[in-house]
Every structure is written in C-alpha cells, then in structure tokens.
Amino acid sequence: MPNPANLYTPPQFPQTTVNYFPNVGLNGQLADTGHHDITTAVAESPGFDVGLAIVLGAGGYGYGRLPAASGDIASVIGFSLYEAMREPSIPRFLPFVAVDILRKGRIWITAQGITVDNGPVFIIYSGANAGQLRGDAGSGGNAALQLTRATVRQGSAAGGMSLVEVNLP
C-alpha cells in the first residue's frame, strides 16, 4: 500500500494569508439552486462587470446597458451574472458580448452602501457607480432609486455581500 505522504502535492505558490470569515459567495453569483429565470443580453455600454443592474438597451429586447439617468431604473431587466469559465478582464463584459442576466431568483451582490435584512433595493442610476446596489437613496454621485421588484434578503455593510431576491417581469 502506498504511503499517503507520498501522494501529497505541495501547492505551487505558498499561501500567505488565511481569511477566517470568507465571503458567502462571489459578486454576481447565483445564491442557490431554487427557481431562477436567466436571459441573455448583448452589452451596449462601454463595459461593465458582474453584479450590476442592467437596463434595456437602445437595440431593444436582447440588448442591455448600465443605467445613465434616473428614468432608466424603470427599465431594469435584471442583474449581470458571474460566469465561472469566462476569462477575467477589466471591464469583464466588453461591448457586443453576450451577458447572462438574472431576471428572477436570488443572487449575491456586493453592496455599495449599507443594506438591511428584508430591506429595499436601491440602484445607483448614473456616474462611476451606475448599476450598483445600495440600501438607501444615497446622494450626489451615489444617488439611487428604488427597484421595487427586488428585496435584500440578507443585508451587509458597505462592500459586503448582500443576498438579493429579484422578481422582474
């Protein structure tokens, strides 16, 4: 019988830190295997990342972009999903790339502001943080409007992971 010590392969790079309380999920990751509705949209914005609210694009159904004005919140089509096998880039989704969009279900999203359990979802509608989640209306460059068909199920501090339930038509 072979010695189990001989089967061990040391890591290629040494681990230098340990996180005792890792995040419960990744930004834009589906939270569970419950019912969800995912659609695809072609990115029209100059580029965006995962876990952001996406609005209907100028091309109509099948196109999406980041919100650019307060009126855009009424046309949110869902949240951009994390895709495990997509090669990382910055921004993650370049223009004219197909993006998976969650319309119904639960998703982990990095909160730009504090969120509370069973609280409202506010979306920043313009600027550098467009499409990001908050728990309040914010102000200035982080002004946000409520997305009425979504709820924060598990809140978090700013920069933490919030569990959001989405139920868009």
N, C-alpha and C. Protein backbone atom coordinates (compact mmCIF):
# COMPACT_ATOMS: atom_id res chain seq x y z
N MET A 1 0.85 -1.18 0.00
CA MET A 1 0.00 0.00 0.00
C MET A 1 0.89 1.24 0.00
N PRO A 2 0.61 2.22 -0.88
CA PRO A 2 1.48 3.40 -0.94
C PRO A 2 1.31 4.27 0.30
N ASN A 3 2.34 4.97 0.64
CA ASN A 3 2.34 5.88 1.78
C ASN A 3 1.54 7.13 1.41
N PRO A 4 0.49 7.50 2.18
CA PRO A 4 -0.29 8.70 1.86
C PRO A 4 0.55 9.96 1.79
N ALA A 5 1.66 10.00 2.52
CA ALA A 5 2.52 11.19 2.49
C ALA A 5 3.13 11.37 1.10
N ASN A 6 3.33 10.30 0.36
CA ASN A 6 3.91 10.39 -0.98
C ASN A 6 2.90 10.90 -2.01
N LEU A 7 1.60 10.85 -1.66
CA LEU A 7 0.56 11.29 -2.58
C LEU A 7 0.31 12.80 -2.49
N TYR A 8 0.82 13.42 -1.46
CA TYR A 8 0.59 14.86 -1.26
C TYR A 8 1.42 15.67 -2.23
N THR A 9 0.76 16.60 -2.90
CA THR A 9 1.47 17.52 -3.80
C THR A 9 1.41 18.91 -3.17
N PRO A 10 2.54 19.48 -2.84
CA PRO A 10 2.51 20.81 -2.23
C PRO A 10 2.00 21.86 -3.22
N PRO A 11 1.41 22.95 -2.72
CA PRO A 11 0.92 23.99 -3.62
C PRO A 11 2.05 24.63 -4.41
N GLN A 12 1.72 25.14 -5.58
CA GLN A 12 2.72 25.79 -6.42
C GLN A 12 3.23 27.08 -5.80
N PHE A 13 2.33 27.81 -5.13
CA PHE A 13 2.71 29.07 -4.52
C PHE A 13 2.36 29.02 -3.05
N PRO A 14 3.16 29.54 -2.16
CA PRO A 14 2.83 29.47 -0.73
C PRO A 14 1.63 30.36 -0.40
N GLN A 15 0.77 29.85 0.48
CA GLN A 15 -0.36 30.63 0.95
C GLN A 15 0.15 31.59 2.02
N THR A 16 -0.13 32.87 1.85
CA THR A 16 0.41 33.87 2.78
C THR A 16 -0.62 34.43 3.75
N THR A 17 -1.92 34.22 3.49
CA THR A 17 -2.95 34.72 4.38
C THR A 17 -4.07 33.70 4.53
N VAL A 18 -4.81 33.82 5.61
CA VAL A 18 -5.98 32.98 5.85
C VAL A 18 -7.11 33.92 6.23
N ASN A 19 -8.24 33.76 5.57
CA ASN A 19 -9.41 34.55 5.88
C ASN A 19 -10.34 33.70 6.72
N TYR A 20 -10.49 34.05 8.00
CA TYR A 20 -11.31 33.25 8.90
C TYR A 20 -12.80 33.38 8.58
N PHE A 21 -13.20 34.46 7.96
CA PHE A 21 -14.60 34.69 7.62
C PHE A 21 -14.71 35.04 6.14
N PRO A 22 -14.58 34.04 5.26
CA PRO A 22 -14.65 34.33 3.83
C PRO A 22 -16.07 34.75 3.44
N ASN A 23 -16.18 35.44 2.30
CA ASN A 23 -17.49 35.82 1.78
C ASN A 23 -18.32 34.57 1.52
N VAL A 24 -19.63 34.71 1.64
CA VAL A 24 -20.52 33.58 1.42
C VAL A 24 -20.70 33.27 -0.06
N GLY A 25 -20.35 34.19 -0.92
CA GLY A 25 -20.48 33.99 -2.35
C GLY A 25 -19.62 34.98 -3.10
N LEU A 26 -19.70 34.90 -4.41
CA LEU A 26 -18.98 35.83 -5.28
C LEU A 26 -19.96 36.85 -5.82
N ASN A 27 -19.48 38.05 -6.09
CA ASN A 27 -20.33 39.09 -6.66
C ASN A 27 -20.94 38.59 -7.96
N GLY A 28 -22.28 38.64 -8.04
CA GLY A 28 -22.98 38.20 -9.24
C GLY A 28 -23.25 36.71 -9.32
N GLN A 29 -22.95 35.97 -8.26
CA GLN A 29 -23.15 34.52 -8.26
C GLN A 29 -24.57 34.17 -7.84
N LEU A 30 -25.17 33.17 -8.50
CA LEU A 30 -26.47 32.67 -8.06
C LEU A 30 -26.33 32.20 -6.62
N ALA A 31 -27.35 32.49 -5.79
CA ALA A 31 -27.26 32.18 -4.38
C ALA A 31 -27.66 30.75 -4.05
N ASP A 32 -28.48 30.13 -4.90
CA ASP A 32 -28.95 28.78 -4.62
C ASP A 32 -29.44 28.13 -5.91
N THR A 33 -29.97 26.93 -5.78
CA THR A 33 -30.46 26.21 -6.96
C THR A 33 -31.97 26.31 -7.11
N GLY A 34 -32.59 27.24 -6.38
CA GLY A 34 -34.03 27.46 -6.50
C GLY A 34 -34.40 28.00 -7.87
N HIS A 35 -35.71 28.25 -8.04
CA HIS A 35 -36.20 28.75 -9.32
C HIS A 35 -35.51 30.05 -9.70
N HIS A 36 -35.05 30.12 -10.92
CA HIS A 36 -34.49 31.37 -11.44
C HIS A 36 -34.75 31.44 -12.94
N ASP A 37 -34.79 32.67 -13.43
CA ASP A 37 -35.00 32.94 -14.86
C ASP A 37 -33.82 33.78 -15.32
N ILE A 38 -33.08 33.24 -16.27
CA ILE A 38 -31.89 33.91 -16.78
C ILE A 38 -32.09 34.16 -18.27
N THR A 39 -31.79 35.37 -18.70
CA THR A 39 -31.86 35.71 -20.11
C THR A 39 -30.49 36.18 -20.56
N THR A 40 -30.34 36.44 -21.83
CA THR A 40 -29.08 36.92 -22.37
C THR A 40 -29.29 38.29 -23.01
N ALA A 41 -28.34 39.17 -22.81
CA ALA A 41 -28.38 40.49 -23.44
C ALA A 41 -27.01 40.81 -24.01
N VAL A 42 -27.01 41.49 -25.13
CA VAL A 42 -25.76 41.95 -25.73
C VAL A 42 -25.38 43.27 -25.07
N ALA A 43 -24.17 43.36 -24.56
CA ALA A 43 -23.72 44.55 -23.85
C ALA A 43 -23.58 45.74 -24.80
N GLU A 44 -24.25 46.85 -24.47
CA GLU A 44 -24.13 48.06 -25.27
C GLU A 44 -23.23 49.10 -24.61
N SER A 45 -23.10 49.04 -23.30
CA SER A 45 -22.28 50.01 -22.57
C SER A 45 -20.82 49.81 -22.91
N PRO A 46 -19.98 50.82 -22.64
CA PRO A 46 -18.55 50.67 -22.90
C PRO A 46 -17.95 49.46 -22.20
N GLY A 47 -18.60 48.95 -21.22
CA GLY A 47 -18.13 47.77 -20.50
C GLY A 47 -18.63 47.81 -19.08
N PHE A 48 -19.00 46.65 -18.56
CA PHE A 48 -19.44 46.60 -17.18
C PHE A 48 -19.07 45.26 -16.58
N ASP A 49 -19.30 45.15 -15.28
CA ASP A 49 -18.87 43.98 -14.53
C ASP A 49 -20.07 43.17 -14.08
N VAL A 50 -19.83 42.17 -13.24
CA VAL A 50 -20.90 41.32 -12.71
C VAL A 50 -21.56 41.98 -11.50
N GLY A 51 -22.78 41.54 -11.20
CA GLY A 51 -23.48 42.03 -10.03
C GLY A 51 -24.02 43.43 -10.16
N LEU A 52 -24.26 43.89 -11.39
CA LEU A 52 -24.78 45.24 -11.61
C LEU A 52 -26.17 45.17 -12.23
N ALA A 53 -27.01 46.16 -11.90
CA ALA A 53 -28.33 46.26 -12.53
C ALA A 53 -28.14 46.68 -13.98
N ILE A 54 -28.79 45.97 -14.88
CA ILE A 54 -28.69 46.24 -16.31
C ILE A 54 -30.06 46.69 -16.80
N VAL A 55 -30.08 47.72 -17.63
CA VAL A 55 -31.34 48.25 -18.17
C VAL A 55 -31.45 47.89 -19.65
N LEU A 56 -32.67 47.99 -20.16
CA LEU A 56 -32.93 47.70 -21.57
C LEU A 56 -32.09 48.62 -22.46
N GLY A 57 -31.41 48.04 -23.42
CA GLY A 57 -30.54 48.81 -24.30
C GLY A 57 -31.30 49.49 -25.43
N ALA A 58 -30.60 50.32 -26.18
CA ALA A 58 -31.20 51.04 -27.30
C ALA A 58 -31.63 50.10 -28.41
N GLY A 59 -31.00 48.92 -28.49
CA GLY A 59 -31.35 47.94 -29.51
C GLY A 59 -32.63 47.18 -29.20
N GLY A 60 -33.24 47.44 -28.02
CA GLY A 60 -34.48 46.76 -27.65
C GLY A 60 -34.21 45.46 -26.94
N TYR A 61 -35.20 44.55 -27.02
CA TYR A 61 -35.09 43.26 -26.34
C TYR A 61 -33.81 42.54 -26.79
N GLY A 62 -33.07 41.99 -25.84
CA GLY A 62 -31.84 41.29 -26.16
C GLY A 62 -30.61 42.16 -26.07
N TYR A 63 -30.77 43.44 -25.69
CA TYR A 63 -29.65 44.36 -25.53
C TYR A 63 -29.71 44.97 -24.14
N GLY A 64 -28.56 45.19 -23.53
CA GLY A 64 -28.52 45.77 -22.19
C GLY A 64 -27.38 46.73 -22.03
N ARG A 65 -27.53 47.64 -21.07
CA ARG A 65 -26.51 48.63 -20.77
C ARG A 65 -26.65 49.03 -19.32
N LEU A 66 -25.68 49.78 -18.84
CA LEU A 66 -25.76 50.33 -17.49
C LEU A 66 -26.73 51.51 -17.47
N PRO A 67 -27.39 51.75 -16.33
CA PRO A 67 -28.25 52.93 -16.26
C PRO A 67 -27.43 54.21 -16.40
N ALA A 68 -28.03 55.24 -17.01
CA ALA A 68 -27.34 56.51 -17.21
C ALA A 68 -28.14 57.70 -16.70
N ALA A 69 -29.40 57.48 -16.32
CA ALA A 69 -30.26 58.55 -15.82
C ALA A 69 -31.30 57.94 -14.89
N SER A 70 -31.94 58.77 -14.09
CA SER A 70 -32.92 58.28 -13.12
C SER A 70 -34.07 57.53 -13.78
N GLY A 71 -34.47 57.93 -14.96
CA GLY A 71 -35.56 57.27 -15.67
C GLY A 71 -35.24 55.85 -16.11
N ASP A 72 -33.96 55.50 -16.13
CA ASP A 72 -33.55 54.16 -16.56
C ASP A 72 -33.93 53.07 -15.57
N ILE A 73 -34.11 53.42 -14.31
CA ILE A 73 -34.41 52.40 -13.30
C ILE A 73 -35.73 51.69 -13.61
N ALA A 74 -36.65 52.38 -14.26
CA ALA A 74 -37.92 51.76 -14.63
C ALA A 74 -37.74 50.67 -15.68
N SER A 75 -36.61 50.65 -16.38
CA SER A 75 -36.41 49.65 -17.43
C SER A 75 -35.29 48.65 -17.09
N VAL A 76 -35.08 48.41 -15.77
CA VAL A 76 -34.10 47.40 -15.36
C VAL A 76 -34.58 46.03 -15.83
N ILE A 77 -33.71 45.28 -16.50
CA ILE A 77 -34.07 43.94 -16.97
C ILE A 77 -33.49 42.85 -16.08
N GLY A 78 -32.58 43.19 -15.17
CA GLY A 78 -32.01 42.20 -14.26
C GLY A 78 -30.61 42.58 -13.83
N PHE A 79 -29.90 41.58 -13.28
CA PHE A 79 -28.55 41.77 -12.78
C PHE A 79 -27.58 40.88 -13.54
N SER A 80 -26.42 41.43 -13.88
CA SER A 80 -25.41 40.66 -14.63
C SER A 80 -24.84 39.56 -13.74
N LEU A 81 -24.74 38.36 -14.29
CA LEU A 81 -24.31 37.18 -13.54
C LEU A 81 -22.83 36.89 -13.71
N TYR A 82 -22.26 36.34 -12.67
CA TYR A 82 -20.89 35.82 -12.68
C TYR A 82 -20.89 34.53 -13.50
N GLU A 83 -19.92 34.39 -14.37
CA GLU A 83 -19.77 33.18 -15.17
C GLU A 83 -18.39 32.59 -14.87
N ALA A 84 -18.40 31.41 -14.29
CA ALA A 84 -17.16 30.81 -13.78
C ALA A 84 -16.10 30.60 -14.85
N MET A 85 -16.47 30.24 -16.05
CA MET A 85 -15.48 29.91 -17.06
C MET A 85 -15.12 31.08 -17.99
N ARG A 86 -15.68 32.26 -17.74
CA ARG A 86 -15.36 33.41 -18.57
C ARG A 86 -13.98 33.94 -18.16
N GLU A 87 -13.14 34.14 -19.14
CA GLU A 87 -11.80 34.65 -18.88
C GLU A 87 -11.90 36.06 -18.27
N PRO A 88 -11.28 36.30 -17.12
CA PRO A 88 -11.40 37.62 -16.50
C PRO A 88 -10.75 38.72 -17.32
N SER A 89 -11.40 39.86 -17.34
CA SER A 89 -10.86 41.05 -17.99
C SER A 89 -11.44 42.26 -17.28
N ILE A 90 -10.90 43.41 -17.51
CA ILE A 90 -11.42 44.64 -16.90
C ILE A 90 -11.70 45.61 -18.03
N PRO A 91 -12.93 46.02 -18.28
CA PRO A 91 -14.13 45.52 -17.62
C PRO A 91 -14.42 44.09 -18.06
N ARG A 92 -15.22 43.37 -17.27
CA ARG A 92 -15.47 41.96 -17.55
C ARG A 92 -16.22 41.77 -18.86
N PHE A 93 -17.25 42.60 -19.13
CA PHE A 93 -18.04 42.45 -20.34
C PHE A 93 -17.76 43.63 -21.27
N LEU A 94 -17.13 43.38 -22.37
CA LEU A 94 -16.86 44.40 -23.37
C LEU A 94 -18.10 44.60 -24.23
N PRO A 95 -18.20 45.71 -24.96
CA PRO A 95 -19.37 45.92 -25.83
C PRO A 95 -19.52 44.78 -26.84
N PHE A 96 -20.78 44.45 -27.12
CA PHE A 96 -21.18 43.44 -28.08
C PHE A 96 -20.89 42.01 -27.63
N VAL A 97 -20.68 41.82 -26.33
CA VAL A 97 -20.51 40.49 -25.76
C VAL A 97 -21.84 40.06 -25.14
N ALA A 98 -22.19 38.79 -25.26
CA ALA A 98 -23.42 38.28 -24.65
C ALA A 98 -23.21 38.13 -23.14
N VAL A 99 -24.16 38.65 -22.37
CA VAL A 99 -24.09 38.66 -20.91
C VAL A 99 -25.31 37.93 -20.36
N ASP A 100 -25.10 37.05 -19.38
CA ASP A 100 -26.22 36.41 -18.70
C ASP A 100 -26.82 37.38 -17.69
N ILE A 101 -28.14 37.52 -17.71
CA ILE A 101 -28.86 38.46 -16.86
C ILE A 101 -29.89 37.69 -16.04
N LEU A 102 -29.82 37.84 -14.71
CA LEU A 102 -30.80 37.21 -13.82
C LEU A 102 -32.03 38.09 -13.72
N ARG A 103 -33.19 37.53 -14.10
CA ARG A 103 -34.47 38.26 -14.02
C ARG A 103 -35.27 37.84 -12.80
N LYS A 104 -35.18 36.58 -12.42
CA LYS A 104 -35.89 36.06 -11.26
C LYS A 104 -34.96 35.11 -10.52
N GLY A 105 -34.94 35.22 -9.20
CA GLY A 105 -34.12 34.33 -8.39
C GLY A 105 -33.34 35.10 -7.35
N ARG A 106 -32.39 34.42 -6.74
CA ARG A 106 -31.58 35.02 -5.69
C ARG A 106 -30.12 35.06 -6.12
N ILE A 107 -29.47 36.19 -5.82
CA ILE A 107 -28.11 36.47 -6.28
C ILE A 107 -27.33 37.17 -5.18
N TRP A 108 -26.04 36.88 -5.10
CA TRP A 108 -25.15 37.61 -4.19
C TRP A 108 -24.62 38.84 -4.92
N ILE A 109 -24.71 39.99 -4.28
CA ILE A 109 -24.26 41.23 -4.88
C ILE A 109 -23.45 42.03 -3.87
N THR A 110 -22.32 42.57 -4.29
CA THR A 110 -21.52 43.44 -3.43
C THR A 110 -22.25 44.76 -3.28
N ALA A 111 -22.54 45.13 -2.03
CA ALA A 111 -23.29 46.35 -1.76
C ALA A 111 -22.37 47.56 -1.77
N GLN A 112 -22.79 48.62 -2.46
CA GLN A 112 -22.02 49.87 -2.48
C GLN A 112 -22.27 50.64 -1.19
N GLY A 113 -23.45 50.46 -0.61
CA GLY A 113 -23.81 51.10 0.65
C GLY A 113 -24.39 50.05 1.59
N ILE A 114 -24.70 50.43 2.79
CA ILE A 114 -25.25 49.51 3.79
C ILE A 114 -26.63 49.01 3.34
N THR A 115 -26.87 47.71 3.50
CA THR A 115 -28.18 47.13 3.23
C THR A 115 -28.65 46.40 4.48
N VAL A 116 -29.97 46.22 4.62
CA VAL A 116 -30.53 45.56 5.80
C VAL A 116 -31.35 44.35 5.38
N ASP A 117 -31.50 43.39 6.29
CA ASP A 117 -32.31 42.20 6.03
C ASP A 117 -33.73 42.59 5.67
N ASN A 118 -34.26 41.97 4.62
CA ASN A 118 -35.62 42.22 4.12
C ASN A 118 -35.87 43.68 3.80
N GLY A 119 -34.82 44.38 3.40
CA GLY A 119 -34.91 45.80 3.09
C GLY A 119 -35.03 46.07 1.60
N PRO A 120 -35.17 47.34 1.26
CA PRO A 120 -35.33 47.73 -0.15
C PRO A 120 -34.01 47.67 -0.92
N VAL A 121 -34.15 47.58 -2.22
CA VAL A 121 -33.02 47.61 -3.14
C VAL A 121 -33.04 48.96 -3.85
N PHE A 122 -31.97 49.72 -3.72
CA PHE A 122 -31.81 50.98 -4.44
C PHE A 122 -30.65 50.80 -5.41
N ILE A 123 -30.82 51.32 -6.62
CA ILE A 123 -29.82 51.20 -7.68
C ILE A 123 -29.28 52.59 -8.02
N ILE A 124 -27.96 52.73 -8.00
CA ILE A 124 -27.33 53.98 -8.41
C ILE A 124 -27.54 54.12 -9.91
N TYR A 125 -28.08 55.26 -10.32
CA TYR A 125 -28.53 55.39 -11.71
C TYR A 125 -27.59 56.13 -12.64
N SER A 126 -26.46 56.63 -12.19
CA SER A 126 -25.52 57.28 -13.12
C SER A 126 -24.15 57.39 -12.47
N GLY A 127 -23.18 57.79 -13.28
CA GLY A 127 -21.83 58.01 -12.78
C GLY A 127 -21.00 56.74 -12.73
N ALA A 128 -19.87 56.83 -12.03
CA ALA A 128 -18.91 55.73 -11.96
C ALA A 128 -19.48 54.49 -11.28
N ASN A 129 -20.46 54.66 -10.39
CA ASN A 129 -21.04 53.53 -9.66
C ASN A 129 -22.39 53.08 -10.22
N ALA A 130 -22.71 53.48 -11.44
CA ALA A 130 -24.00 53.14 -12.05
C ALA A 130 -24.24 51.64 -12.01
N GLY A 131 -25.45 51.27 -11.59
CA GLY A 131 -25.84 49.87 -11.55
C GLY A 131 -25.57 49.19 -10.23
N GLN A 132 -24.86 49.85 -9.31
CA GLN A 132 -24.53 49.22 -8.03
C GLN A 132 -25.70 49.31 -7.06
N LEU A 133 -25.68 48.43 -6.08
CA LEU A 133 -26.74 48.27 -5.09
C LEU A 133 -26.46 49.08 -3.84
N ARG A 134 -27.52 49.70 -3.30
CA ARG A 134 -27.48 50.39 -2.01
C ARG A 134 -28.74 50.02 -1.24
N GLY A 135 -28.77 50.37 0.04
CA GLY A 135 -29.95 50.14 0.85
C GLY A 135 -30.75 51.41 1.09
N ASP A 136 -30.27 52.54 0.53
CA ASP A 136 -30.97 53.81 0.69
C ASP A 136 -30.82 54.64 -0.58
N ALA A 137 -31.42 55.83 -0.58
CA ALA A 137 -31.40 56.67 -1.79
C ALA A 137 -30.06 57.32 -2.07
N GLY A 138 -29.15 57.33 -1.12
CA GLY A 138 -27.84 57.94 -1.35
C GLY A 138 -27.96 59.41 -1.71
N SER A 139 -26.86 59.98 -2.20
CA SER A 139 -26.88 61.38 -2.62
C SER A 139 -25.68 61.65 -3.51
N GLY A 140 -25.70 62.80 -4.17
CA GLY A 140 -24.58 63.19 -5.04
C GLY A 140 -24.32 62.18 -6.12
N GLY A 141 -23.06 61.77 -6.27
CA GLY A 141 -22.67 60.80 -7.29
C GLY A 141 -23.17 59.40 -7.02
N ASN A 142 -23.69 59.15 -5.81
CA ASN A 142 -24.24 57.84 -5.47
C ASN A 142 -25.75 57.88 -5.28
N ALA A 143 -26.41 58.85 -5.91
CA ALA A 143 -27.87 58.95 -5.83
C ALA A 143 -28.49 57.70 -6.46
N ALA A 144 -29.51 57.17 -5.79
CA ALA A 144 -30.11 55.92 -6.24
C ALA A 144 -31.62 55.98 -6.14
N LEU A 145 -32.28 55.14 -6.94
CA LEU A 145 -33.73 54.99 -6.90
C LEU A 145 -34.06 53.54 -6.56
N GLN A 146 -35.22 53.35 -5.93
CA GLN A 146 -35.63 52.02 -5.51
C GLN A 146 -36.07 51.17 -6.69
N LEU A 147 -35.61 49.93 -6.69
CA LEU A 147 -36.07 48.92 -7.64
C LEU A 147 -37.14 48.12 -6.90
N THR A 148 -38.39 48.35 -7.23
CA THR A 148 -39.49 47.83 -6.42
C THR A 148 -39.67 46.32 -6.51
N ARG A 149 -39.19 45.68 -7.54
CA ARG A 149 -39.40 44.23 -7.69
C ARG A 149 -38.17 43.43 -7.26
N ALA A 150 -37.46 43.96 -6.26
CA ALA A 150 -36.31 43.26 -5.69
C ALA A 150 -36.26 43.58 -4.19
N THR A 151 -35.74 42.61 -3.42
CA THR A 151 -35.64 42.76 -1.97
C THR A 151 -34.30 42.24 -1.51
N VAL A 152 -33.69 42.96 -0.57
CA VAL A 152 -32.47 42.46 0.07
C VAL A 152 -32.91 41.45 1.12
N ARG A 153 -32.60 40.19 0.94
CA ARG A 153 -32.99 39.16 1.91
C ARG A 153 -31.99 39.11 3.07
N GLN A 154 -30.71 39.26 2.77
CA GLN A 154 -29.68 39.28 3.81
C GLN A 154 -28.82 40.51 3.58
N GLY A 155 -28.86 41.44 4.53
CA GLY A 155 -28.13 42.70 4.39
C GLY A 155 -26.65 42.56 4.68
N SER A 156 -25.92 43.65 4.46
CA SER A 156 -24.48 43.67 4.70
C SER A 156 -24.00 45.10 4.89
N ALA A 157 -22.78 45.23 5.33
CA ALA A 157 -22.12 46.53 5.40
C ALA A 157 -21.70 46.93 4.00
N ALA A 158 -21.35 48.18 3.83
CA ALA A 158 -20.84 48.64 2.53
C ALA A 158 -19.62 47.80 2.16
N GLY A 159 -19.60 47.31 0.93
CA GLY A 159 -18.51 46.46 0.47
C GLY A 159 -18.71 44.99 0.77
N GLY A 160 -19.78 44.65 1.51
CA GLY A 160 -20.07 43.26 1.85
C GLY A 160 -21.01 42.63 0.84
N MET A 161 -21.26 41.35 1.02
CA MET A 161 -22.13 40.60 0.12
C MET A 161 -23.56 40.60 0.63
N SER A 162 -24.48 41.09 -0.19
CA SER A 162 -25.90 41.09 0.13
C SER A 162 -26.60 40.04 -0.71
N LEU A 163 -27.54 39.33 -0.08
CA LEU A 163 -28.36 38.36 -0.80
C LEU A 163 -29.61 39.10 -1.28
N VAL A 164 -29.79 39.15 -2.60
CA VAL A 164 -30.90 39.90 -3.20
C VAL A 164 -31.82 38.94 -3.92
N GLU A 165 -33.12 39.10 -3.67
CA GLU A 165 -34.12 38.33 -4.40
C GLU A 165 -34.73 39.23 -5.46
N VAL A 166 -34.70 38.76 -6.70
CA VAL A 166 -35.16 39.55 -7.84
C VAL A 166 -36.40 38.88 -8.42
N ASN A 167 -37.39 39.67 -8.79
CA ASN A 167 -38.61 39.14 -9.41
C ASN A 167 -39.08 40.12 -10.49
N LEU A 168 -38.33 40.18 -11.57
CA LEU A 168 -38.66 41.11 -12.66
C LEU A 168 -39.50 40.41 -13.72
N PRO A 169 -40.35 41.18 -14.43
CA PRO A 169 -41.20 40.57 -15.46
C PRO A 169 -40.39 40.09 -16.65
